[in-house]
Protein backbone atom coordinates (compact mmCIF):
# COMPACT_ATOMS: atom_id res chain seq x y z
CA MET A 1 -11.24 -35.24 10.34
CA ARG A 2 -7.93 -37.09 10.76
CA LEU A 3 -4.83 -35.26 9.57
CA ILE A 4 -3.38 -36.69 6.37
CA VAL A 5 0.40 -36.82 6.25
CA GLY A 6 2.27 -35.45 3.23
CA ARG A 7 2.62 -31.95 1.85
CA THR A 8 0.44 -32.49 -1.23
CA LYS A 9 -2.39 -34.03 0.76
CA LEU A 10 -1.94 -31.46 3.50
CA VAL A 11 -2.50 -28.60 1.06
CA LYS A 12 -5.52 -30.38 -0.38
CA LEU A 13 -6.98 -30.85 3.08
CA ALA A 14 -6.30 -27.21 3.91
CA LEU A 15 -8.13 -25.99 0.84
CA ILE A 16 -11.20 -27.96 1.89
CA THR A 17 -11.29 -27.38 5.62
CA VAL A 18 -9.49 -24.10 6.33
CA ALA A 19 -10.33 -21.71 3.47
CA GLY A 20 -11.76 -18.52 4.93
CA ALA A 21 -10.57 -19.24 8.47
CA ILE A 22 -7.24 -17.61 7.89
CA PHE A 23 -8.86 -14.21 8.31
CA ALA A 24 -12.39 -14.63 9.59
CA GLY A 25 -11.68 -17.11 12.36
CA LEU A 26 -13.54 -20.36 12.97
CA MET A 27 -17.21 -20.73 13.89
CA LEU A 28 -18.08 -22.88 16.89
CA VAL A 29 -20.64 -25.68 16.98
CA GLY A 30 -22.73 -26.57 20.01
CA SER A 31 -20.25 -29.19 21.21
CA GLY A 32 -17.52 -26.57 21.43
CA GLU A 33 -15.45 -28.16 18.67
CA LYS A 34 -14.22 -26.19 15.68
CA ALA A 35 -16.48 -26.44 12.68
CA THR A 36 -15.47 -26.19 9.04
CA ALA A 37 -14.75 -22.56 8.22
CA SER A 38 -16.39 -20.56 5.46
CA ALA A 39 -14.77 -21.03 2.06
CA PHE A 40 -15.56 -17.48 1.01
CA GLY A 41 -12.44 -15.72 2.25
CA PRO A 42 -11.97 -13.21 5.07
CA THR A 43 -14.64 -10.90 6.39
CA GLN A 44 -14.37 -7.35 5.08
CA ALA A 45 -12.58 -4.43 6.77
CA HIS A 46 -9.44 -6.27 7.92
CA THR A 47 -6.80 -4.53 5.77
CA ASN A 48 -5.33 -2.39 8.58
CA ALA A 49 -6.55 0.73 6.75
CA PRO A 50 -7.89 3.68 8.78
CA LEU A 51 -11.13 2.72 10.59
CA GLU A 52 -10.27 -0.96 10.10
CA GLY A 53 -8.63 -3.62 12.20
CA ASN A 54 -6.45 -6.50 11.16
CA CYS A 55 -6.52 -10.21 11.69
CA THR A 56 -4.46 -10.30 14.87
CA ALA A 57 -7.83 -9.87 16.57
CA CYS A 58 -8.30 -13.63 16.08
CA HIS A 59 -4.79 -14.78 15.25
CA THR A 60 -3.32 -13.68 18.55
CA ASP A 61 -0.15 -15.76 18.89
CA PHE A 62 2.07 -13.16 17.22
CA GLU A 63 1.97 -9.39 16.96
CA LEU A 64 1.37 -7.72 13.59
CA ASP A 65 4.43 -7.81 11.32
CA SER A 66 6.48 -9.71 13.90
CA GLY A 67 7.51 -12.73 11.83
CA GLU A 68 10.26 -13.26 9.28
CA GLY A 69 7.90 -13.06 6.30
CA GLY A 70 5.86 -10.18 4.96
CA VAL A 71 3.47 -8.91 2.32
CA MET A 72 4.21 -6.67 -0.67
CA ILE A 73 2.11 -4.62 -3.09
CA THR A 74 3.79 -4.30 -6.49
CA GLY A 75 2.72 -2.73 -9.76
CA VAL A 76 1.24 0.45 -8.27
CA PRO A 77 2.93 3.37 -10.07
CA ALA A 78 4.01 6.63 -8.44
CA ASN A 79 1.42 8.45 -10.57
CA TYR A 80 -1.81 7.40 -12.27
CA THR A 81 -3.85 8.85 -15.11
CA PRO A 82 -7.68 8.92 -15.23
CA GLY A 83 -9.12 5.60 -16.32
CA GLN A 84 -5.73 3.87 -16.32
CA GLN A 85 -5.85 0.10 -15.83
CA ILE A 86 -3.10 -1.00 -13.49
CA THR A 87 -2.05 -4.60 -12.86
CA VAL A 88 -1.45 -5.07 -9.13
CA THR A 89 0.28 -8.03 -7.50
CA VAL A 90 0.10 -8.93 -3.82
CA THR A 91 2.75 -11.36 -2.56
CA ALA A 92 2.75 -12.95 0.88
CA THR A 93 5.85 -14.73 2.18
CA GLN A 94 6.78 -16.95 5.12
CA GLU A 95 9.26 -19.79 4.83
CA ASP A 96 7.38 -22.29 7.00
CA ALA A 97 3.80 -21.35 6.08
CA VAL A 98 1.54 -23.79 4.25
CA ILE A 99 -1.31 -21.61 2.98
CA TYR A 100 -1.74 -17.88 2.51
CA GLY A 101 -4.50 -15.31 2.23
CA PHE A 102 -4.90 -11.58 1.77
CA GLN A 103 -7.34 -8.68 1.68
CA LEU A 104 -6.73 -5.28 0.02
CA THR A 105 -8.64 -2.03 -0.39
CA ALA A 106 -7.99 1.30 -2.15
CA ILE A 107 -9.22 4.56 -0.59
CA ASP A 108 -8.88 8.30 -1.10
CA SER A 109 -7.85 10.90 1.47
CA ALA A 110 -11.40 10.93 2.87
CA GLY A 111 -11.37 7.16 3.37
CA GLN A 112 -13.81 6.53 0.54
CA LYS A 113 -13.62 3.79 -2.08
CA VAL A 114 -11.74 4.97 -5.14
CA GLY A 115 -11.35 3.27 -8.50
CA ASP A 116 -12.58 -0.22 -9.31
CA PHE A 117 -11.11 -3.69 -8.98
CA SER A 118 -11.48 -6.39 -11.60
CA ILE A 119 -10.21 -9.94 -11.85
CA PRO A 120 -8.36 -11.25 -14.93
CA PRO A 121 -9.53 -14.62 -16.28
CA ALA A 122 -6.43 -16.40 -14.97
CA SER A 123 -7.31 -15.36 -11.40
CA GLU A 124 -11.07 -15.93 -11.41
CA ASP A 125 -10.89 -19.01 -9.16
CA ARG A 126 -8.31 -17.44 -6.81
CA ILE A 127 -9.66 -13.94 -6.13
CA GLN A 128 -13.00 -12.33 -5.36
CA ILE A 129 -14.31 -8.77 -4.94
CA LEU A 130 -16.63 -7.77 -2.10
CA GLN A 131 -18.01 -4.60 -0.56
CA GLY A 132 -18.19 -3.65 3.10
CA VAL A 133 -18.87 -0.66 5.34
CA VAL A 134 -16.63 0.87 8.00
CA GLY A 135 -16.83 3.56 10.64
CA PRO A 136 -19.78 5.27 12.34
CA ASN A 137 -20.83 6.84 9.02
CA ASN A 138 -20.97 3.48 7.21
CA ILE A 139 -18.37 4.35 4.60
CA VAL A 140 -18.58 1.90 1.69
CA ARG A 141 -15.33 0.29 0.61
CA GLU A 142 -14.43 -2.34 -1.97
CA TYR A 143 -12.19 -5.29 -1.14
CA VAL A 144 -10.26 -7.75 -3.24
CA GLU A 145 -9.27 -10.95 -1.45
CA HIS A 146 -8.43 -14.61 -1.84
CA THR A 147 -10.88 -17.47 -2.25
CA SER A 148 -10.44 -21.08 -1.18
CA GLY A 149 -8.91 -21.72 -4.61
CA GLY A 150 -6.31 -19.04 -3.96
CA LEU A 151 -4.92 -20.30 -0.66
CA SER A 152 -2.02 -22.11 -2.31
CA ASN A 153 -0.07 -21.78 -5.54
CA GLY A 154 1.35 -25.30 -5.30
CA GLN A 155 4.63 -24.06 -3.84
CA PHE A 156 5.88 -23.42 -0.32
CA GLY A 157 7.26 -20.19 1.07
CA PHE A 158 5.08 -17.68 -0.79
CA ASN A 159 1.86 -17.02 -2.65
CA SER A 160 0.86 -14.27 -5.09
CA TRP A 161 -2.41 -12.89 -6.43
CA VAL A 162 -2.80 -10.70 -9.53
CA PHE A 163 -5.74 -8.37 -10.23
CA THR A 164 -6.52 -5.07 -11.94
CA TRP A 165 -7.26 -1.66 -10.43
CA THR A 166 -8.84 0.91 -12.74
CA ALA A 167 -8.24 4.51 -11.73
CA PRO A 168 -11.26 6.84 -11.53
CA MET A 169 -12.14 8.84 -14.63
CA GLN A 170 -11.46 12.06 -12.74
CA PRO A 171 -8.32 12.65 -10.64
CA ALA A 172 -9.11 11.75 -7.02
CA GLY A 173 -5.95 12.97 -5.35
CA LYS A 174 -3.71 10.54 -3.53
CA VAL A 175 -4.90 6.93 -3.51
CA ASP A 176 -3.75 4.63 -0.71
CA PHE A 177 -3.72 0.84 -1.05
CA TYR A 178 -3.83 -1.12 2.21
CA VAL A 179 -3.32 -4.87 2.48
CA ALA A 180 -3.18 -7.47 5.23
CA SER A 181 -2.06 -11.05 4.70
CA ASN A 182 -1.94 -14.27 6.65
CA SER A 183 0.85 -16.81 6.42
CA ALA A 184 -0.85 -19.80 8.02
CA ASN A 185 0.24 -23.21 9.27
CA SER A 186 -2.98 -24.94 8.15
CA ASP A 187 -3.79 -26.56 11.50
CA GLY A 188 -7.47 -25.65 11.15
CA GLY A 189 -7.38 -22.87 13.74
CA PRO A 190 -6.03 -19.37 14.32
CA ALA A 191 -2.98 -20.42 16.37
CA GLY A 192 0.54 -20.17 15.00
CA ASP A 193 -0.32 -17.89 12.07
CA TYR A 194 1.57 -14.72 11.16
CA ILE A 195 -0.29 -11.58 10.08
CA TYR A 196 1.44 -8.94 7.98
CA SER A 197 0.42 -5.54 6.62
CA ALA A 198 1.61 -3.06 4.00
CA SER A 199 0.46 0.04 2.17
CA LYS A 200 1.32 1.87 -1.04
CA SER A 201 0.25 5.20 -2.50
CA THR A 202 -0.17 6.70 -5.96
CA LEU A 203 -0.80 10.30 -7.00
CA PRO A 204 -2.61 11.70 -10.03
CA MET A 205 -0.38 12.61 -12.92
CA SER A 206 -0.39 16.37 -13.33
CA ALA A 207 1.04 18.69 -15.94
CA ALA A 208 4.65 19.71 -15.49
CA VAL A 209 5.19 22.75 -13.28
CA SER A 210 8.00 25.14 -12.47
CA ILE A 211 9.44 26.14 -9.10
CA THR A 212 11.21 29.48 -8.69
CA GLY A 213 12.63 31.38 -5.74
CA LYS A 214 15.45 33.48 -4.32
CA VAL A 215 18.25 32.55 -1.93
CA THR A 216 19.58 35.24 0.40
CA SER A 217 21.84 35.57 3.41
CA PRO A 218 20.43 36.34 6.90
CA SER A 219 21.00 40.03 6.20
CA GLY A 220 19.18 39.91 2.86
CA LEU A 221 22.14 39.78 0.48
CA VAL A 222 21.49 37.63 -2.59
CA LEU A 223 23.62 34.48 -2.85
CA ARG A 224 24.73 33.63 -6.36
CA ASN A 225 26.01 30.30 -7.67
CA THR A 226 24.41 28.54 -4.69
CA LYS A 227 23.19 24.97 -5.15
CA VAL A 228 19.49 24.20 -4.66
CA VAL A 229 18.43 20.54 -4.63
CA LEU A 230 14.98 19.13 -5.42
CA THR A 231 14.41 15.58 -4.11
CA ASP A 232 11.38 13.47 -5.06
CA SER A 233 9.71 10.73 -3.00
CA THR A 234 12.01 8.04 -4.43
CA GLY A 235 15.16 9.93 -3.45
CA ALA A 236 16.02 11.05 -6.98
CA GLN A 237 17.57 14.52 -7.02
CA THR A 238 17.71 17.45 -9.44
CA SER A 239 19.97 20.45 -8.88
CA ALA A 240 19.88 24.11 -9.92
CA PHE A 241 22.24 27.03 -9.17
CA THR A 242 21.24 30.56 -8.35
CA SER A 243 21.88 33.36 -10.81
CA SER A 244 23.77 36.58 -10.09
CA PHE A 245 20.48 37.85 -8.65
CA GLY A 246 20.16 34.86 -6.33
CA ILE A 247 17.31 33.34 -8.39
CA TYR A 248 16.94 29.61 -9.01
CA THR A 249 14.43 27.82 -11.27
CA PHE A 250 13.31 24.22 -11.76
CA SER A 251 11.32 23.56 -14.95
CA GLY A 252 9.39 20.49 -16.13
CA VAL A 253 8.72 19.19 -12.61
CA PRO A 254 5.88 16.57 -12.55
CA GLY A 255 3.06 18.11 -10.57
CA GLY A 256 1.05 16.42 -7.84
CA ALA A 257 4.04 14.62 -6.32
CA ASN A 258 5.83 15.19 -3.02
CA TYR A 259 9.21 16.92 -3.03
CA THR A 260 11.78 18.23 -0.59
CA LEU A 261 13.60 21.41 -1.57
CA GLY A 262 16.86 22.36 0.11
CA VAL A 263 19.88 24.65 -0.22
CA LEU A 264 23.50 23.54 0.12
CA SER A 265 25.85 26.21 1.45
CA LYS A 266 29.13 26.21 3.33
CA ARG A 267 28.40 29.58 4.95
CA TYR A 268 24.75 29.35 6.05
CA ARG A 269 22.14 26.86 7.15
CA PHE A 270 18.80 26.72 5.35
CA ALA A 271 15.61 25.03 6.52
CA PRO A 272 14.33 22.57 3.87
CA LYS A 273 10.85 22.95 2.41
CA THR A 274 8.29 20.23 1.62
CA LEU A 275 6.24 20.84 -1.53
CA THR A 276 3.40 19.16 -3.43
CA PRO A 277 3.02 21.48 -6.43
CA ALA A 278 -0.28 21.40 -8.31
CA GLY A 279 0.75 24.41 -10.44
CA ASN A 280 3.68 26.73 -11.00
CA LEU A 281 5.27 27.96 -7.75
CA THR A 282 7.00 31.31 -7.42
CA ASP A 283 8.67 33.08 -4.52
CA VAL A 284 9.77 29.84 -2.88
CA ASP A 285 12.51 31.77 -1.15
CA PHE A 286 15.24 30.71 1.24
CA ILE A 287 16.79 32.96 3.88
CA GLY A 288 19.96 31.77 5.57
CA LEU A 289 19.91 31.07 9.31
CA GLU A 290 22.45 32.59 11.66
């Protein structure tokens, strides 16, 4: 097929002839020429998640995440509640790309599918949901990815896809979202395309907990009016000061999240502690270092 000049016609041609090639690669016909690629999006298990590869296996001109563009996952909260419906947006960028594609999965700490994807009516012609298996134990995972109708949004420089993830009805621990995207030049082959990857995590919302402990010197003397700092995964900090007995307490701390706990002192050094409280914590003590 002869290349048609003009951005509008170029995008139209790309939607017809390239489609699924931006992840799956092109099939070959007997003559050795490139045939029209599948219009059904990328093959499964190319999100760069554990036990998966990514699309640099075929698109070999550039290393993963080596271009000036990228891919982002937005809308995933720090914590989820059972059955919560969460609107997720994937955005791929590259200033000189013509068409874009993506593939995303959500897995638990064991690598298993967690939650369910669904497609809002406005995205039905742009996104599809498929299942695939990975690893020697044939772990089943669910994938949300572009279709041929989702390769372009009519603008240059970026493309976005919106879908829904419904959290499981029972807390499943930390959930990791993995995505890979392709910012493609629409030449009908795998050359000159940039592949990007990203991940994002969410934790189950737990009841508020308390954290209590004692701060002492290397010799065991209690340290009063000493500042203890609790830092969450976003960098937000909460402070508490020790009592005359060297005791500090944090109350109303959201459980199930990751925290760093540290002591600020001009006289002694203290090793920080990493915590993921699922319930009230006591005796989280600090002893000064010589």
